[in-house]
């Protein structure tokens, strides 16, 4: 099976950035809007990684 490395890299980057945004640097509180955007980023990153291979996504 071929893997689209661009999708994997972009998805991993979205997952990393969104995780850092949700957890917040140094435990500072995260605004609600930023947490919502980060949650969407986590969903998009998971979707990109999940659909990076040929065939049906899980």
Protein backbone atom coordinates (compact mmCIF):
# COMPACT_ATOMS: atom_id res chain seq x y z
CA UNK A 1 0.00 0.00 0.00
CA UNK A 2 1.25 3.44 -0.87
CA UNK A 3 1.23 6.11 1.80
CA UNK A 4 0.82 9.78 0.99
CA UNK A 5 3.66 11.22 3.06
CA UNK A 6 2.43 14.79 2.65
CA UNK A 7 -0.87 13.90 4.33
CA UNK A 8 0.94 12.13 7.15
CA UNK A 9 3.35 15.01 7.73
CA UNK A 10 0.62 17.67 7.60
CA UNK A 11 -1.63 15.59 9.85
CA UNK A 12 1.15 15.02 12.36
CA UNK A 13 1.98 18.73 12.36
CA UNK A 14 -1.68 19.63 12.96
CA UNK A 15 -1.89 17.10 15.78
CA UNK A 16 1.28 18.46 17.42
CA UNK A 17 0.34 22.13 17.14
CA UNK A 18 -3.22 21.53 18.31
CA UNK A 19 -2.06 19.46 21.27
CA UNK A 20 0.35 22.18 22.37
CA UNK A 21 -2.40 24.79 21.97
CA UNK A 22 -4.92 22.81 24.03
CA UNK A 23 -2.49 21.92 26.79
CA UNK A 24 -1.21 25.48 26.83
CA UNK A 25 2.35 26.56 27.42
CA UNK A 26 3.34 26.45 31.09
CA UNK A 27 -0.17 25.57 32.21
CA UNK A 28 -1.69 28.96 31.34
CA UNK A 29 -5.44 28.98 30.74
CA UNK A 30 -6.49 28.64 27.11
CA UNK A 31 -9.30 30.86 25.75
CA UNK A 32 -12.43 29.02 24.66
CA UNK A 33 -12.09 30.06 21.02
CA UNK A 34 -8.48 28.83 20.87
CA UNK A 35 -9.48 25.52 22.44
CA UNK A 36 -12.26 25.13 19.87
CA UNK A 37 -9.87 25.81 16.99
CA UNK A 38 -7.36 23.37 18.49
CA UNK A 39 -10.05 20.68 18.77
CA UNK A 40 -10.88 21.15 15.08
CA UNK A 41 -7.15 20.91 14.33
CA UNK A 42 -6.95 17.61 16.18
CA UNK A 43 -9.90 16.26 14.19
CA UNK A 44 -8.41 17.43 10.89
CA UNK A 45 -5.00 15.97 11.74
CA UNK A 46 -6.50 12.62 12.65
CA UNK A 47 -8.54 12.63 9.44
CA UNK A 48 -5.45 13.37 7.31
CA UNK A 49 -3.39 10.63 8.94
CA UNK A 50 -6.28 8.17 8.75
CA UNK A 51 -6.85 8.74 5.04
CA UNK A 52 -3.20 8.82 4.00
CA UNK A 53 -3.15 5.26 2.64
CA UNK A 54 -4.93 3.80 -0.35
CA UNK A 55 -8.16 1.97 0.27
CA UNK A 56 -10.94 2.57 2.75
CA UNK A 57 -10.17 4.66 5.82
CA UNK A 58 -10.90 3.10 9.17
